[in-house]
Protein backbone atom coordinates (compact mmCIF):
# COMPACT_ATOMS: atom_id res chain seq x y z
CA MET A 1 23.29 -34.69 30.50
CA MET A 2 21.11 -31.54 30.43
CA ILE A 3 23.42 -29.91 27.94
CA HIS A 4 22.99 -32.85 25.51
CA ILE A 5 19.24 -32.68 25.78
CA ALA A 6 19.21 -28.93 25.27
CA SER A 7 21.43 -29.21 22.17
CA ALA A 8 19.24 -31.99 20.80
CA ILE A 9 16.13 -29.87 21.23
CA GLY A 10 17.88 -26.94 19.58
CA SER A 11 19.00 -28.93 16.56
CA LEU A 12 15.51 -30.46 16.26
CA ALA A 13 13.93 -27.00 16.18
CA GLN A 14 16.31 -25.85 13.46
CA ALA A 15 15.77 -28.97 11.30
CA THR A 16 12.04 -28.39 10.86
CA PRO A 17 11.43 -24.81 9.70
CA GLU A 18 8.08 -23.19 10.35
CA ASP A 19 5.71 -22.37 7.53
CA GLY A 20 6.67 -19.22 5.65
CA THR A 21 10.28 -19.18 6.79
CA VAL A 22 11.65 -20.75 3.67
CA ALA A 23 12.42 -18.13 1.15
CA GLY A 24 10.90 -18.32 -2.30
CA GLU A 25 12.32 -17.10 -5.59
CA GLY A 26 13.26 -13.49 -5.75
CA LEU A 27 11.63 -10.70 -7.74
CA SER A 28 13.03 -9.44 -11.02
CA ALA A 29 13.92 -5.72 -11.38
CA VAL A 30 10.77 -5.10 -13.44
CA GLU A 31 8.54 -6.84 -10.89
CA THR A 32 10.17 -4.84 -8.07
CA PHE A 33 9.59 -1.62 -9.94
CA ALA A 34 6.06 -2.51 -10.77
CA TYR A 35 5.11 -3.64 -7.27
CA PHE A 36 6.85 -1.02 -5.17
CA PHE A 37 6.81 2.11 -7.42
CA ALA A 38 4.43 1.94 -10.33
CA ALA A 39 1.41 0.35 -8.60
CA PRO A 40 1.45 2.68 -5.54
CA THR A 41 1.89 5.67 -7.81
CA VAL A 42 -1.06 4.73 -9.99
CA ILE A 43 -3.22 4.03 -6.93
CA PHE A 44 -2.29 7.45 -5.39
CA LEU A 45 -3.07 9.23 -8.68
CA ALA A 46 -6.37 7.40 -9.09
CA ILE A 47 -7.47 8.33 -5.50
CA SER A 48 -6.33 11.93 -6.04
CA VAL A 49 -8.37 12.26 -9.23
CA ILE A 50 -11.46 10.73 -7.59
CA VAL A 51 -11.22 13.02 -4.54
CA TYR A 52 -10.66 16.08 -6.71
CA ALA A 53 -13.60 15.18 -8.88
CA LEU A 54 -15.92 14.83 -5.88
CA THR A 55 -14.67 17.92 -3.95
CA GLY A 56 -13.12 20.22 -6.60
CA ASP A 57 -14.39 23.70 -7.43
CA ARG A 58 -17.44 23.79 -9.57
CA LYS A 59 -17.91 26.28 -12.46
CA LYS A 60 -19.56 29.48 -11.31
CA SER A 61 -23.00 30.15 -12.59
CA GLN A 62 -23.48 33.23 -14.85
CA ASN A 63 -26.90 33.92 -13.26
CA LYS A 64 -26.07 36.04 -10.15
CA SER A 65 -29.49 37.30 -9.57
CA SER A 66 -29.87 35.83 -6.11
CA VAL A 67 -29.46 38.31 -3.24
CA ILE A 68 -28.70 35.51 -0.83
CA THR A 69 -25.55 34.25 -2.56
CA THR A 70 -24.03 37.53 -3.81
CA ILE A 71 -23.15 40.87 -2.32
CA GLU A 72 -23.05 43.94 -4.62
């Protein structure tokens, strides 16, 4: 009797899938390329340019008359 109840509970659980377990339509090759290669690459390059712009070397001033900043 317990085996019949356990199998009935198991089949009931399989008959009603949870939300998000049903697969949707697949991605095309172009969408896969865009989502998993192009977009991360563009985001990485944008962040790299922003960081370089904020922390990159500045042009050196031609006026080196300050004794504090130069050693002769």
